[in-house]
C-alpha atoms as a PDB file:
ATOM      1  CA  UNK A   1       0.038  -0.184   0.195  1.00  0.00           C
ATOM      2  CA  UNK A   2       1.151   3.454  -0.842  1.00  0.00           C
ATOM      3  CA  UNK A   3       0.148   6.786   0.377  1.00  0.00           C
ATOM      4  CA  UNK A   4       0.773  10.550  -0.566  1.00  0.00           C
ATOM      5  CA  UNK A   5       1.490  12.769   1.841  1.00  0.00           C
ATOM      6  CA  UNK A   6      -1.151  16.044   1.267  1.00  0.00           C
ATOM      7  CA  UNK A   7      -0.487  17.928   4.589  1.00  0.00           C
ATOM      8  CA  UNK A   8       2.092  17.983   7.394  1.00  0.00           C
ATOM      9  CA  UNK A   9       0.650  20.181   9.944  1.00  0.00           C
ATOM     10  CA  UNK A  10      -1.925  19.569  12.865  1.00  0.00           C
ATOM     11  CA  UNK A  11      -3.980  22.415  11.830  1.00  0.00           C
ATOM     12  CA  UNK A  12      -5.137  20.134   9.069  1.00  0.00           C
ATOM     13  CA  UNK A  13      -6.439  17.475  11.232  1.00  0.00           C
ATOM     14  CA  UNK A  14      -9.861  16.672  12.416  1.00  0.00           C
ATOM     15  CA  UNK A  15     -10.157  17.710  15.776  1.00  0.00           C
ATOM     16  CA  UNK A  16     -10.924  13.963  16.786  1.00  0.00           C
ATOM     17  CA  UNK A  17      -7.291  13.199  16.061  1.00  0.00           C
ATOM     18  CA  UNK A  18      -5.691  16.010  18.230  1.00  0.00           C
ATOM     19  CA  UNK A  19      -4.386  14.410  21.195  1.00  0.00           C
ATOM     20  CA  UNK A  20      -2.074  17.034  23.425  1.00  0.00           C
ATOM     21  CA  UNK A  21      -0.453  14.098  25.683  1.00  0.00           C
ATOM     22  CA  UNK A  22       0.838  12.454  22.580  1.00  0.00           C
ATOM     23  CA  UNK A  23       2.050  15.896  21.176  1.00  0.00           C
ATOM     24  CA  UNK A  24      -0.463  15.956  18.295  1.00  0.00           C
ATOM     25  CA  UNK A  25      -2.028  19.666  18.580  1.00  0.00           C
ATOM     26  CA  UNK A  26      -2.837  22.384  15.940  1.00  0.00           C
ATOM     27  CA  UNK A  27       0.842  23.457  16.375  1.00  0.00           C
ATOM     28  CA  UNK A  28       2.353  20.005  15.460  1.00  0.00           C
ATOM     29  CA  UNK A  29       4.395  19.839  12.410  1.00  0.00           C
ATOM     30  CA  UNK A  30       4.714  16.323  11.316  1.00  0.00           C
ATOM     31  CA  UNK A  31       8.103  15.189   9.646  1.00  0.00           C
ATOM     32  CA  UNK A  32       6.427  14.531   6.317  1.00  0.00           C
ATOM     33  CA  UNK A  33       7.122  16.044   2.939  1.00  0.00           C
ATOM     34  CA  UNK A  34       3.953  17.216   1.024  1.00  0.00           C
ATOM     35  CA  UNK A  35       3.860  15.409  -2.168  1.00  0.00           C
ATOM     36  CA  UNK A  36       6.021  12.551  -1.149  1.00  0.00           C
ATOM     37  CA  UNK A  37       4.777   8.740  -1.387  1.00  0.00           C
ATOM     38  CA  UNK A  38       5.611   6.298   1.338  1.00  0.00           C
ATOM     39  CA  UNK A  39       4.816   2.584   1.746  1.00  0.00           C
ATOM     40  CA  UNK A  40       2.569   1.743   4.724  1.00  0.00           C
ATOM     41  CA  UNK A  41       4.130  -1.136   6.863  1.00  0.00           C
ATOM     42  CA  UNK A  42       1.217  -1.262   9.406  1.00  0.00           C
ATOM     43  CA  UNK A  43      -2.072   0.202  10.027  1.00  0.00           C
ATOM     44  CA  UNK A  44      -3.946   0.775  13.324  1.00  0.00           C
ATOM     45  CA  UNK A  45      -7.456   2.321  14.231  1.00  0.00           C
ATOM     46  CA  UNK A  46      -8.157   3.208  17.746  1.00  0.00           C
ATOM     47  CA  UNK A  47     -11.190   5.211  18.796  1.00  0.00           C
ATOM     48  CA  UNK A  48     -12.282   6.036  15.155  1.00  0.00           C
ATOM     49  CA  UNK A  49      -8.741   7.497  14.476  1.00  0.00           C
ATOM     50  CA  UNK A  50      -6.683   5.817  11.685  1.00  0.00           C
ATOM     51  CA  UNK A  51      -2.944   5.695  11.591  1.00  0.00           C
ATOM     52  CA  UNK A  52      -0.572   4.411   8.947  1.00  0.00           C
ATOM     53  CA  UNK A  53       3.067   3.353   9.953  1.00  0.00           C
ATOM     54  CA  UNK A  54       5.376   4.813   7.446  1.00  0.00           C
ATOM     55  CA  UNK A  55       9.258   5.377   7.354  1.00  0.00           C
ATOM     56  CA  UNK A  56       8.939   9.326   7.594  1.00  0.00           C
ATOM     57  CA  UNK A  57      11.547  11.749   7.638  1.00  0.00           C
ATOM     58  CA  UNK A  58      12.709  10.797  11.176  1.00  0.00           C
ATOM     59  CA  UNK A  59      13.397   7.161   9.962  1.00  0.00           C
ATOM     60  CA  UNK A  60      16.256   5.504  11.435  1.00  0.00           C
ATOM     61  CA  UNK A  61      15.307   1.863  12.013  1.00  0.00           C
ATOM     62  CA  UNK A  62      11.354   1.907  12.824  1.00  0.00           C
ATOM     63  CA  UNK A  63       8.356   3.008  11.350  1.00  0.00           C
ATOM     64  CA  UNK A  64       6.367   5.812  12.846  1.00  0.00           C
ATOM     65  CA  UNK A  65       2.502   6.005  12.948  1.00  0.00           C
ATOM     66  CA  UNK A  66       0.937   9.136  11.173  1.00  0.00           C
ATOM     67  CA  UNK A  67      -2.474  10.119  11.394  1.00  0.00           C
ATOM     68  CA  UNK A  68      -4.253   9.055   8.053  1.00  0.00           C
ATOM     69  CA  UNK A  69      -6.090  12.420   7.305  1.00  0.00           C
ATOM     70  CA  UNK A  70      -2.586  13.563   6.369  1.00  0.00           C
ATOM     71  CA  UNK A  71      -2.631  11.104   3.233  1.00  0.00           C
ATOM     72  CA  UNK A  72      -4.296  10.076   0.401  1.00  0.00           C
ATOM     73  CA  UNK A  73      -4.044   6.466  -0.886  1.00  0.00           C
ATOM     74  CA  UNK A  74      -2.341   5.974  -4.236  1.00  0.00           C
ATOM     75  CA  UNK A  75      -1.909   2.407  -4.449  1.00  0.00           C
ATOM     76  CA  UNK A  76      -4.505   0.461  -2.172  1.00  0.00           C
ATOM     77  CA  UNK A  77      -3.315  -2.994  -2.800  1.00  0.00           C
ATOM     78  CA  UNK A  78      -3.370  -4.822   0.492  1.00  0.00           C
ATOM     79  CA  UNK A  79       0.315  -6.444   1.212  1.00  0.00           C
ATOM     80  CA  UNK A  80       0.333 -10.345   0.901  1.00  0.00           C
ATOM     81  CA  UNK A  81       2.255 -10.389   4.610  1.00  0.00           C
ATOM     82  CA  UNK A  82      -0.716  -8.355   6.356  1.00  0.00           C
ATOM     83  CA  UNK A  83      -2.961  -9.911   8.870  1.00  0.00           C
ATOM     84  CA  UNK A  84      -5.703  -8.474  10.733  1.00  0.00           C
ATOM     85  CA  UNK A  85      -5.940  -8.384  14.549  1.00  0.00           C
ATOM     86  CA  UNK A  86      -8.615  -6.983  16.867  1.00  0.00           C
ATOM     87  CA  UNK A  87      -7.692  -6.491  20.493  1.00  0.00           C
ATOM     88  CA  UNK A  88      -9.959  -6.871  23.376  1.00  0.00           C
ATOM     89  CA  UNK A  89      -9.744  -3.243  23.948  1.00  0.00           C
ATOM     90  CA  UNK A  90     -10.980  -2.443  20.572  1.00  0.00           C
ATOM     91  CA  UNK A  91      -7.458  -1.545  19.039  1.00  0.00           C
ATOM     92  CA  UNK A  92      -7.421  -2.608  15.273  1.00  0.00           C
ATOM     93  CA  UNK A  93      -4.129  -3.352  13.344  1.00  0.00           C
ATOM     94  CA  UNK A  94      -3.129  -4.739  10.243  1.00  0.00           C
ATOM     95  CA  UNK A  95       0.659  -5.735   9.937  1.00  0.00           C
ATOM     96  CA  UNK A  96       2.792  -8.316   9.362  1.00  0.00           C
ATOM     97  CA  UNK A  97       2.539 -11.633  11.244  1.00  0.00           C
ATOM     98  CA  UNK A  98       5.552 -11.048  13.601  1.00  0.00           C
ATOM     99  CA  UNK A  99       4.085  -7.684  14.812  1.00  0.00           C
ATOM    100  CA  UNK A 100       1.364  -9.901  16.734  1.00  0.00           C
ATOM    101  CA  UNK A 101       3.172 -13.162  17.496  1.00  0.00           C
ATOM    102  CA  UNK A 102       6.302 -11.392  19.039  1.00  0.00           C
ATOM    103  CA  UNK A 103       4.741  -9.907  22.428  1.00  0.00           C
ATOM    104  CA  UNK A 104       5.299  -5.990  22.467  1.00  0.00           C
ATOM    105  CA  UNK A 105       6.988  -6.331  19.142  1.00  0.00           C
ATOM    106  CA  UNK A 106       6.662  -2.601  18.193  1.00  0.00           C
ATOM    107  CA  UNK A 107       7.954  -1.318  21.604  1.00  0.00           C
ATOM    108  CA  UNK A 108      10.864  -3.758  21.361  1.00  0.00           C
ATOM    109  CA  UNK A 109      11.525  -2.308  18.053  1.00  0.00           C
ATOM    110  CA  UNK A 110      11.353   1.290  19.302  1.00  0.00           C
ATOM    111  CA  UNK A 111      13.665   0.130  22.050  1.00  0.00           C
ATOM    112  CA  UNK A 112      16.183  -1.271  19.514  1.00  0.00           C
ATOM    113  CA  UNK A 113      16.176  -4.846  20.483  1.00  0.00           C
ATOM    114  CA  UNK A 114      18.415  -6.396  17.739  1.00  0.00           C
ATOM    115  CA  UNK A 115      15.973  -9.275  16.733  1.00  0.00           C
ATOM    116  CA  UNK A 116      12.942  -7.169  16.243  1.00  0.00           C
ATOM    117  CA  UNK A 117      15.370  -4.773  14.243  1.00  0.00           C
ATOM    118  CA  UNK A 118      16.427  -7.443  11.919  1.00  0.00           C
ATOM    119  CA  UNK A 119      12.741  -8.898  11.497  1.00  0.00           C
ATOM    120  CA  UNK A 120      11.381  -5.142  10.770  1.00  0.00           C
ATOM    121  CA  UNK A 121      14.410  -4.608   8.220  1.00  0.00           C
ATOM    122  CA  UNK A 122      13.855  -7.988   6.270  1.00  0.00           C
ATOM    123  CA  UNK A 123       9.773  -7.404   6.280  1.00  0.00           C
ATOM    124  CA  UNK A 124      10.594  -3.763   5.173  1.00  0.00           C
ATOM    125  CA  UNK A 125      12.988  -5.237   2.190  1.00  0.00           C
ATOM    126  CA  UNK A 126       9.879  -7.640   1.030  1.00  0.00           C
ATOM    127  CA  UNK A 127       7.161  -4.922   1.602  1.00  0.00           C
ATOM    128  CA  UNK A 128       9.251  -2.449  -0.364  1.00  0.00           C
ATOM    129  CA  UNK A 129       9.926  -4.967  -3.268  1.00  0.00           C
ATOM    130  CA  UNK A 130       6.254  -5.626  -3.049  1.00  0.00           C
ATOM    131  CA  UNK A 131       5.232  -2.061  -3.290  1.00  0.00           C
ATOM    132  CA  UNK A 132       7.803  -1.517  -6.798  1.00  0.00           C
ATOM    133  CA  UNK A 133       5.483  -3.979  -8.482  1.00  0.00           C
ATOM    134  CA  UNK A 134       3.329  -1.959 -10.916  1.00  0.00           C
ATOM    135  CA  UNK A 135      -0.182  -2.238 -10.249  1.00  0.00           C
ATOM    136  CA  UNK A 136      -2.245  -3.932 -13.256  1.00  0.00           C
ATOM    137  CA  UNK A 137      -5.078  -1.996 -14.739  1.00  0.00           C
ATOM    138  CA  UNK A 138      -8.529  -3.237 -13.817  1.00  0.00           C
ATOM    139  CA  UNK A 139     -10.549  -5.310 -16.067  1.00  0.00           C
ATOM    140  CA  UNK A 140     -13.449  -3.538 -17.622  1.00  0.00           C
ATOM    141  CA  UNK A 141     -17.114  -4.801 -17.046  1.00  0.00           C
ATOM    142  CA  UNK A 142     -16.998  -6.076 -20.683  1.00  0.00           C
ATOM    143  CA  UNK A 143     -13.648  -8.024 -20.077  1.00  0.00           C
ATOM    144  CA  UNK A 144     -14.913  -9.408 -17.049  1.00  0.00           C
ATOM    145  CA  UNK A 145     -18.420 -10.454 -18.959  1.00  0.00           C
ATOM    146  CA  UNK A 146     -16.344 -12.053 -21.839  1.00  0.00           C
ATOM    147  CA  UNK A 147     -14.347 -14.517 -19.701  1.00  0.00           C
ATOM    148  CA  UNK A 148     -15.719 -17.874 -19.729  1.00  0.00           C
ATOM    149  CA  UNK A 149     -17.010 -19.116 -16.314  1.00  0.00           C
ATOM    150  CA  UNK A 150     -14.708 -21.381 -14.455  1.00  0.00           C
ATOM    151  CA  UNK A 151     -17.456 -23.472 -12.735  1.00  0.00           C
ATOM    152  CA  UNK A 152     -16.604 -27.218 -12.323  1.00  0.00           C
END
């Protein structure tokens, strides 16, 4: 999945995305370049707010979550490496399997734990290569209807 930055200031966010304890205010300037495309490595949705985990301009070794209203989707293909998890507290996450199977994966990643760093780097390589494959044009209605059914 690829997204393009359309804004990088807190003033552009809907009010429900503002969260001063997390330093997301109208004064916040996100480390994003307007017009630049980013690959999405994970998605989270919490209490109606959607965030994309991307390697933004602060990227050192882990993806940072950024509010979805700062972006437009330019390639909506779902990564083949993604899985979906809904936590009991209502947090919805879409990410690669290790994000869920290794307890506290993201916390360990942001803490610089070597195993999680290696896992993320490998997954990043795979997802970057996947995102580089050009998107095939969709079939027209006429093309779909002209295809022979494959019923057994």
